[in-house]
Amino acid sequence: MNKVIVYILLSIVVLSSCQTTVYEEIKTIDNGKFVYNDTISFDLNIYTTNKPYNVYIDIENTDNYKYSNLFLFVYITSPDNNTIVDTIDVFMADYKGKWVGKPKGENYYGKYLFKQAVAFPKQGIYKTSIVQGMRDDTLKGINKIGLTLQETK
């Protein structure tokens, strides 16, 4: 096996073993139709401010989803009511159109890195909302959206 591939695989194993999931919630999208005004909300309760976290967006889709990517607007409101907004472009398929998520029955489940090694400045509830930002009002084939917070070591 190529030495580069072995190095990459070992790096993935080492990095994934250095993370502890402290929050994970996945919400079902009604009828697999993610409508432009749907807001998927999560409450992250941050207890520790001196540790870095990786934040992931979890997406479960079907073959009915007609795009290779998904634009999302992510709103995060801190305990002191300061809000930041990020726009992210999640690449859900490779350049050949193959889904990058893991097959899960007839669906595909992907965990996509949103923020890496982020430190939360205050303890408390960080209200997080996700809204789709595609040009179509209704996206068919998006079954679930989730949020995962992992403590890095």
C-alpha atoms as a PDB file:
ATOM      1  CA  MET A   1       0.000   0.000   0.000  1.00  0.00           C
ATOM      2  CA  ASN A   2       1.175   3.479  -0.767  1.00  0.00           C
ATOM      3  CA  LYS A   3       2.934   5.134   2.202  1.00  0.00           C
ATOM      4  CA  VAL A   4       0.916   8.337   1.768  1.00  0.00           C
ATOM      5  CA  ILE A   5      -2.378   6.440   2.055  1.00  0.00           C
ATOM      6  CA  VAL A   6      -1.168   4.625   5.179  1.00  0.00           C
ATOM      7  CA  TYR A   7      -0.109   7.972   6.715  1.00  0.00           C
ATOM      8  CA  ILE A   8      -3.496   9.548   5.940  1.00  0.00           C
ATOM      9  CA  LEU A   9      -5.400   6.606   7.418  1.00  0.00           C
ATOM     10  CA  LEU A  10      -3.295   6.626  10.582  1.00  0.00           C
ATOM     11  CA  SER A  11      -3.792  10.402  10.932  1.00  0.00           C
ATOM     12  CA  ILE A  12      -7.550  10.007  10.673  1.00  0.00           C
ATOM     13  CA  VAL A  13      -7.570   7.278  13.330  1.00  0.00           C
ATOM     14  CA  VAL A  14      -5.382   9.316  15.692  1.00  0.00           C
ATOM     15  CA  LEU A  15      -7.373  12.528  15.220  1.00  0.00           C
ATOM     16  CA  SER A  16     -10.751  10.840  15.612  1.00  0.00           C
ATOM     17  CA  SER A  17      -9.634   9.095  18.791  1.00  0.00           C
ATOM     18  CA  CYS A  18      -8.696  12.462  20.319  1.00  0.00           C
ATOM     19  CA  GLN A  19     -12.242  13.772  20.381  1.00  0.00           C
ATOM     20  CA  THR A  20     -15.064  13.287  22.862  1.00  0.00           C
ATOM     21  CA  THR A  21     -18.626  13.961  21.771  1.00  0.00           C
ATOM     22  CA  VAL A  22     -20.265  16.279  24.314  1.00  0.00           C
ATOM     23  CA  TYR A  23     -23.396  17.119  22.322  1.00  0.00           C
ATOM     24  CA  GLU A  24     -25.184  15.454  19.446  1.00  0.00           C
ATOM     25  CA  GLU A  25     -28.725  16.041  18.276  1.00  0.00           C
ATOM     26  CA  ILE A  26     -30.286  15.180  14.948  1.00  0.00           C
ATOM     27  CA  LYS A  27     -33.683  16.492  13.888  1.00  0.00           C
ATOM     28  CA  THR A  28     -35.985  15.012  11.266  1.00  0.00           C
ATOM     29  CA  ILE A  29     -37.165  17.198   8.388  1.00  0.00           C
ATOM     30  CA  ASP A  30     -40.908  16.762   7.713  1.00  0.00           C
ATOM     31  CA  ASN A  31     -41.490  14.588   4.627  1.00  0.00           C
ATOM     32  CA  GLY A  32     -37.837  14.992   3.588  1.00  0.00           C
ATOM     33  CA  LYS A  33     -38.570  18.517   2.324  1.00  0.00           C
ATOM     34  CA  PHE A  34     -36.314  21.267   3.679  1.00  0.00           C
ATOM     35  CA  VAL A  35     -38.305  24.465   3.030  1.00  0.00           C
ATOM     36  CA  TYR A  36     -36.558  27.847   2.819  1.00  0.00           C
ATOM     37  CA  ASN A  37     -38.296  29.206   5.948  1.00  0.00           C
ATOM     38  CA  ASP A  38     -37.729  26.078   8.078  1.00  0.00           C
ATOM     39  CA  THR A  39     -35.466  26.762  11.025  1.00  0.00           C
ATOM     40  CA  ILE A  40     -33.710  23.827  12.674  1.00  0.00           C
ATOM     41  CA  SER A  41     -32.766  24.866  16.228  1.00  0.00           C
ATOM     42  CA  PHE A  42     -30.369  23.466  18.802  1.00  0.00           C
ATOM     43  CA  ASP A  43     -29.362  24.562  22.305  1.00  0.00           C
ATOM     44  CA  LEU A  44     -25.693  23.957  23.088  1.00  0.00           C
ATOM     45  CA  ASN A  45     -25.041  24.083  26.818  1.00  0.00           C
ATOM     46  CA  ILE A  46     -21.382  25.014  27.235  1.00  0.00           C
ATOM     47  CA  TYR A  47     -19.951  24.223  30.671  1.00  0.00           C
ATOM     48  CA  THR A  48     -16.253  24.645  29.936  1.00  0.00           C
ATOM     49  CA  THR A  49     -14.699  27.657  28.227  1.00  0.00           C
ATOM     50  CA  ASN A  50     -11.057  26.597  28.405  1.00  0.00           C
ATOM     51  CA  LYS A  51     -11.291  23.718  25.907  1.00  0.00           C
ATOM     52  CA  PRO A  52     -11.442  23.790  22.111  1.00  0.00           C
ATOM     53  CA  TYR A  53     -14.360  22.140  20.314  1.00  0.00           C
ATOM     54  CA  ASN A  54     -15.004  20.933  16.794  1.00  0.00           C
ATOM     55  CA  VAL A  55     -18.532  21.620  15.567  1.00  0.00           C
ATOM     56  CA  TYR A  56     -20.085  19.414  12.890  1.00  0.00           C
ATOM     57  CA  ILE A  57     -23.231  19.711  10.806  1.00  0.00           C
ATOM     58  CA  ASP A  58     -24.875  16.315  10.298  1.00  0.00           C
ATOM     59  CA  ILE A  59     -26.935  15.766   7.154  1.00  0.00           C
ATOM     60  CA  GLU A  60     -28.940  12.748   6.051  1.00  0.00           C
ATOM     61  CA  ASN A  61     -30.069  12.821   2.429  1.00  0.00           C
ATOM     62  CA  THR A  62     -31.522  10.534  -0.229  1.00  0.00           C
ATOM     63  CA  ASP A  63     -30.900  10.157  -3.947  1.00  0.00           C
ATOM     64  CA  ASN A  64     -33.889  12.486  -4.412  1.00  0.00           C
ATOM     65  CA  TYR A  65     -31.659  15.428  -3.478  1.00  0.00           C
ATOM     66  CA  LYS A  66     -30.744  16.902  -6.856  1.00  0.00           C
ATOM     67  CA  TYR A  67     -27.679  18.952  -5.931  1.00  0.00           C
ATOM     68  CA  SER A  68     -24.129  18.038  -4.958  1.00  0.00           C
ATOM     69  CA  ASN A  69     -23.916  20.749  -2.308  1.00  0.00           C
ATOM     70  CA  LEU A  70     -26.076  22.501   0.265  1.00  0.00           C
ATOM     71  CA  PHE A  71     -25.775  26.145   1.315  1.00  0.00           C
ATOM     72  CA  LEU A  72     -26.712  26.725   4.945  1.00  0.00           C
ATOM     73  CA  PHE A  73     -27.040  29.841   7.080  1.00  0.00           C
ATOM     74  CA  VAL A  74     -25.983  29.115  10.659  1.00  0.00           C
ATOM     75  CA  TYR A  75     -26.981  31.553  13.391  1.00  0.00           C
ATOM     76  CA  ILE A  76     -25.308  31.258  16.795  1.00  0.00           C
ATOM     77  CA  THR A  77     -26.561  33.391  19.685  1.00  0.00           C
ATOM     78  CA  SER A  78     -24.365  33.453  22.790  1.00  0.00           C
ATOM     79  CA  PRO A  79     -25.641  33.550  26.395  1.00  0.00           C
ATOM     80  CA  ASP A  80     -25.228  37.359  26.353  1.00  0.00           C
ATOM     81  CA  ASN A  81     -27.398  37.631  23.174  1.00  0.00           C
ATOM     82  CA  ASN A  82     -24.643  38.375  20.663  1.00  0.00           C
ATOM     83  CA  THR A  83     -25.409  36.693  17.339  1.00  0.00           C
ATOM     84  CA  ILE A  84     -23.033  35.666  14.592  1.00  0.00           C
ATOM     85  CA  VAL A  85     -24.132  34.348  11.202  1.00  0.00           C
ATOM     86  CA  ASP A  86     -22.095  32.047   8.987  1.00  0.00           C
ATOM     87  CA  THR A  87     -22.853  30.891   5.479  1.00  0.00           C
ATOM     88  CA  ILE A  88     -21.437  27.490   4.675  1.00  0.00           C
ATOM     89  CA  ASP A  89     -21.364  25.449   1.496  1.00  0.00           C
ATOM     90  CA  VAL A  90     -21.499  21.748   2.329  1.00  0.00           C
ATOM     91  CA  PHE A  91     -20.154  19.522  -0.448  1.00  0.00           C
ATOM     92  CA  MET A  92     -22.255  16.363  -0.220  1.00  0.00           C
ATOM     93  CA  ALA A  93     -21.076  14.682  -3.438  1.00  0.00           C
ATOM     94  CA  ASP A  94     -17.728  14.384  -5.166  1.00  0.00           C
ATOM     95  CA  TYR A  95     -16.991  15.706  -8.654  1.00  0.00           C
ATOM     96  CA  LYS A  96     -18.391  12.488 -10.189  1.00  0.00           C
ATOM     97  CA  GLY A  97     -21.697  12.863  -8.332  1.00  0.00           C
ATOM     98  CA  LYS A  98     -21.040  10.115  -5.756  1.00  0.00           C
ATOM     99  CA  TRP A  99     -22.403  10.918  -2.301  1.00  0.00           C
ATOM    100  CA  VAL A 100     -19.638  11.403   0.259  1.00  0.00           C
ATOM    101  CA  GLY A 101     -21.887  10.450   3.175  1.00  0.00           C
ATOM    102  CA  LYS A 102     -21.938   6.915   4.504  1.00  0.00           C
ATOM    103  CA  PRO A 103     -24.756   4.732   3.165  1.00  0.00           C
ATOM    104  CA  LYS A 104     -27.452   4.156   5.779  1.00  0.00           C
ATOM    105  CA  GLY A 105     -30.128   1.996   4.188  1.00  0.00           C
ATOM    106  CA  GLU A 106     -31.434   4.027   1.258  1.00  0.00           C
ATOM    107  CA  ASN A 107     -30.036   7.245   2.741  1.00  0.00           C
ATOM    108  CA  TYR A 108     -26.608   8.815   3.075  1.00  0.00           C
ATOM    109  CA  TYR A 109     -25.328  10.240   6.342  1.00  0.00           C
ATOM    110  CA  GLY A 110     -22.548  12.817   6.400  1.00  0.00           C
ATOM    111  CA  LYS A 111     -20.822  14.616   9.268  1.00  0.00           C
ATOM    112  CA  TYR A 112     -19.307  17.838   7.936  1.00  0.00           C
ATOM    113  CA  LEU A 113     -16.846  20.009   9.852  1.00  0.00           C
ATOM    114  CA  PHE A 114     -18.318  23.467  10.465  1.00  0.00           C
ATOM    115  CA  LYS A 115     -15.928  24.985  13.039  1.00  0.00           C
ATOM    116  CA  GLN A 116     -12.558  23.590  14.076  1.00  0.00           C
ATOM    117  CA  ALA A 117     -10.957  24.077  17.497  1.00  0.00           C
ATOM    118  CA  VAL A 118     -13.364  26.836  18.481  1.00  0.00           C
ATOM    119  CA  ALA A 119     -13.422  28.098  22.070  1.00  0.00           C
ATOM    120  CA  PHE A 120     -16.661  29.403  23.534  1.00  0.00           C
ATOM    121  CA  PRO A 121     -15.953  32.564  25.548  1.00  0.00           C
ATOM    122  CA  LYS A 122     -18.848  32.219  28.031  1.00  0.00           C
ATOM    123  CA  GLN A 123     -20.593  29.402  29.837  1.00  0.00           C
ATOM    124  CA  GLY A 124     -24.268  28.893  29.131  1.00  0.00           C
ATOM    125  CA  ILE A 125     -26.702  28.170  26.326  1.00  0.00           C
ATOM    126  CA  TYR A 126     -25.631  28.937  22.760  1.00  0.00           C
ATOM    127  CA  LYS A 127     -28.765  28.923  20.623  1.00  0.00           C
ATOM    128  CA  THR A 128     -27.938  27.613  17.174  1.00  0.00           C
ATOM    129  CA  SER A 129     -30.287  27.797  14.199  1.00  0.00           C
ATOM    130  CA  ILE A 130     -29.773  26.361  10.722  1.00  0.00           C
ATOM    131  CA  VAL A 131     -31.672  27.565   7.646  1.00  0.00           C
ATOM    132  CA  GLN A 132     -31.205  26.357   4.080  1.00  0.00           C
ATOM    133  CA  GLY A 133     -29.799  28.914   1.665  1.00  0.00           C
ATOM    134  CA  MET A 134     -30.353  27.310  -1.732  1.00  0.00           C
ATOM    135  CA  ARG A 135     -32.245  28.996  -4.577  1.00  0.00           C
ATOM    136  CA  ASP A 136     -35.063  26.438  -4.455  1.00  0.00           C
ATOM    137  CA  ASP A 137     -37.779  27.158  -1.917  1.00  0.00           C
ATOM    138  CA  THR A 138     -38.212  23.451  -1.150  1.00  0.00           C
ATOM    139  CA  LEU A 139     -35.348  20.970  -1.176  1.00  0.00           C
ATOM    140  CA  LYS A 140     -36.490  17.373  -1.586  1.00  0.00           C
ATOM    141  CA  GLY A 141     -34.311  14.592  -0.243  1.00  0.00           C
ATOM    142  CA  ILE A 142     -32.951  16.200   2.950  1.00  0.00           C
ATOM    143  CA  ASN A 143     -34.269  13.966   5.728  1.00  0.00           C
ATOM    144  CA  LYS A 144     -32.311  15.081   8.780  1.00  0.00           C
ATOM    145  CA  ILE A 145     -30.122  17.920   9.993  1.00  0.00           C
ATOM    146  CA  GLY A 146     -28.042  17.652  13.131  1.00  0.00           C
ATOM    147  CA  LEU A 147     -25.366  19.287  15.182  1.00  0.00           C
ATOM    148  CA  THR A 148     -22.450  17.576  16.909  1.00  0.00           C
ATOM    149  CA  LEU A 149     -19.991  19.158  19.325  1.00  0.00           C
ATOM    150  CA  GLN A 150     -16.770  17.322  20.067  1.00  0.00           C
ATOM    151  CA  GLU A 151     -14.210  18.304  22.648  1.00  0.00           C
ATOM    152  CA  THR A 152     -10.712  18.113  21.205  1.00  0.00           C
ATOM    153  CA  LYS A 153      -7.725  17.044  23.239  1.00  0.00           C
END
